[in-house]
Amino acid sequence: MSQLGKRYECKECGTIVLCTKASDCDPSCCDKGMEVQQPKKKPSSD
């Protein structure tokens, strides 16, 4: 199930997509399912 507002990344070619509409289907690229991209950590301000 794709989730609204999540970014999905293809591990094969590096394509990144942003989900703008929730769906029961999983996004796919290169004939494989795409994985949810994890948020990047920001450097601390300390």
N, C-alpha and C. Protein backbone atom coordinates (compact mmCIF):
# COMPACT_ATOMS: atom_id res chain seq x y z
N MET A 1 0.84 -1.18 0.00
CA MET A 1 0.00 0.00 0.00
C MET A 1 0.89 1.24 0.00
N SER A 2 0.67 2.13 -0.94
CA SER A 2 1.44 3.38 -0.99
C SER A 2 0.82 4.38 -0.02
N GLN A 3 1.69 5.17 0.59
CA GLN A 3 1.24 6.12 1.60
C GLN A 3 1.43 7.55 1.11
N LEU A 4 0.43 8.36 1.31
CA LEU A 4 0.44 9.76 0.90
C LEU A 4 1.60 10.50 1.55
N GLY A 5 2.36 11.24 0.74
CA GLY A 5 3.45 12.05 1.25
C GLY A 5 4.77 11.33 1.42
N LYS A 6 4.81 10.04 1.18
CA LYS A 6 6.05 9.27 1.32
C LYS A 6 6.82 9.28 0.01
N ARG A 7 8.14 9.21 0.11
CA ARG A 7 9.00 9.10 -1.07
C ARG A 7 9.44 7.64 -1.19
N TYR A 8 9.38 7.15 -2.42
CA TYR A 8 9.78 5.77 -2.70
C TYR A 8 10.99 5.79 -3.62
N GLU A 9 11.95 4.89 -3.36
CA GLU A 9 13.19 4.86 -4.13
C GLU A 9 13.41 3.49 -4.75
N CYS A 10 13.84 3.49 -6.01
CA CYS A 10 14.19 2.26 -6.71
C CYS A 10 15.65 1.96 -6.40
N LYS A 11 15.94 0.81 -5.83
CA LYS A 11 17.31 0.44 -5.50
C LYS A 11 18.10 0.06 -6.75
N GLU A 12 17.40 -0.25 -7.84
CA GLU A 12 18.05 -0.67 -9.08
C GLU A 12 18.63 0.54 -9.85
N CYS A 13 17.81 1.58 -10.09
CA CYS A 13 18.24 2.70 -10.93
C CYS A 13 18.31 4.03 -10.19
N GLY A 14 17.81 4.09 -8.95
CA GLY A 14 17.90 5.32 -8.16
C GLY A 14 16.74 6.29 -8.35
N THR A 15 15.72 5.91 -9.11
CA THR A 15 14.56 6.78 -9.31
C THR A 15 13.83 6.99 -8.00
N ILE A 16 13.43 8.24 -7.74
CA ILE A 16 12.69 8.58 -6.52
C ILE A 16 11.36 9.18 -6.94
N VAL A 17 10.26 8.70 -6.33
CA VAL A 17 8.93 9.24 -6.61
C VAL A 17 8.28 9.68 -5.30
N LEU A 18 7.44 10.71 -5.39
CA LEU A 18 6.68 11.20 -4.25
C LEU A 18 5.24 10.79 -4.44
N CYS A 19 4.66 10.15 -3.45
CA CYS A 19 3.28 9.68 -3.53
C CYS A 19 2.34 10.85 -3.24
N THR A 20 1.51 11.20 -4.23
CA THR A 20 0.57 12.31 -4.07
C THR A 20 -0.86 11.83 -3.87
N LYS A 21 -1.06 10.51 -3.94
CA LYS A 21 -2.38 9.94 -3.73
C LYS A 21 -2.23 8.54 -3.15
N ALA A 22 -2.84 8.27 -2.01
CA ALA A 22 -2.76 6.95 -1.38
C ALA A 22 -3.44 5.91 -2.26
N SER A 23 -2.90 4.69 -2.23
CA SER A 23 -3.41 3.63 -3.08
C SER A 23 -3.18 2.28 -2.43
N ASP A 24 -3.92 1.27 -2.90
CA ASP A 24 -3.72 -0.09 -2.42
C ASP A 24 -2.54 -0.76 -3.11
N CYS A 25 -2.04 -0.15 -4.19
CA CYS A 25 -0.93 -0.71 -4.96
C CYS A 25 0.39 -0.15 -4.47
N ASP A 26 1.45 -0.97 -4.60
CA ASP A 26 2.80 -0.51 -4.28
C ASP A 26 3.44 0.02 -5.55
N PRO A 27 4.18 1.14 -5.46
CA PRO A 27 4.86 1.63 -6.65
C PRO A 27 5.97 0.67 -7.06
N SER A 28 6.22 0.56 -8.36
CA SER A 28 7.27 -0.33 -8.85
C SER A 28 8.06 0.35 -9.95
N CYS A 29 9.30 -0.09 -10.10
CA CYS A 29 10.21 0.42 -11.11
C CYS A 29 11.20 -0.70 -11.42
N CYS A 30 11.62 -0.82 -12.65
CA CYS A 30 12.56 -1.87 -13.06
C CYS A 30 12.02 -3.25 -12.72
N ASP A 31 10.70 -3.43 -12.83
CA ASP A 31 10.02 -4.70 -12.54
C ASP A 31 10.21 -5.17 -11.10
N LYS A 32 10.49 -4.24 -10.18
CA LYS A 32 10.63 -4.56 -8.75
C LYS A 32 9.89 -3.52 -7.93
N GLY A 33 9.47 -3.90 -6.73
CA GLY A 33 8.80 -2.96 -5.84
C GLY A 33 9.78 -1.92 -5.32
N MET A 34 9.28 -0.72 -5.10
CA MET A 34 10.11 0.37 -4.58
C MET A 34 9.99 0.41 -3.06
N GLU A 35 11.07 0.83 -2.40
CA GLU A 35 11.09 0.90 -0.95
C GLU A 35 10.88 2.34 -0.48
N VAL A 36 10.27 2.49 0.70
CA VAL A 36 10.08 3.83 1.27
C VAL A 36 11.44 4.41 1.59
N GLN A 37 11.68 5.64 1.15
CA GLN A 37 12.94 6.31 1.40
C GLN A 37 12.95 6.82 2.83
N GLN A 38 14.00 6.52 3.56
CA GLN A 38 14.11 6.95 4.94
C GLN A 38 14.52 8.41 5.00
N PRO A 39 14.00 9.16 5.99
CA PRO A 39 14.36 10.57 6.11
C PRO A 39 15.86 10.72 6.39
N LYS A 40 16.44 11.77 5.82
CA LYS A 40 17.85 12.04 6.05
C LYS A 40 18.01 12.77 7.37
N LYS A 41 19.05 12.40 8.12
CA LYS A 41 19.28 13.04 9.41
C LYS A 41 19.91 14.40 9.20
N LYS A 42 19.43 15.37 9.94
CA LYS A 42 19.95 16.73 9.90
C LYS A 42 21.08 16.84 10.93
N PRO A 43 22.09 17.63 10.65
CA PRO A 43 23.16 17.81 11.64
C PRO A 43 22.61 18.57 12.85
N SER A 44 23.11 18.22 14.00
CA SER A 44 22.64 18.90 15.22
C SER A 44 23.15 20.33 15.24
N SER A 45 22.41 21.20 15.89
CA SER A 45 22.80 22.60 15.97
C SER A 45 23.72 22.89 17.14
N ASP A 46 24.03 21.87 17.92
CA ASP A 46 24.91 22.07 19.09
C ASP A 46 26.35 22.09 18.69
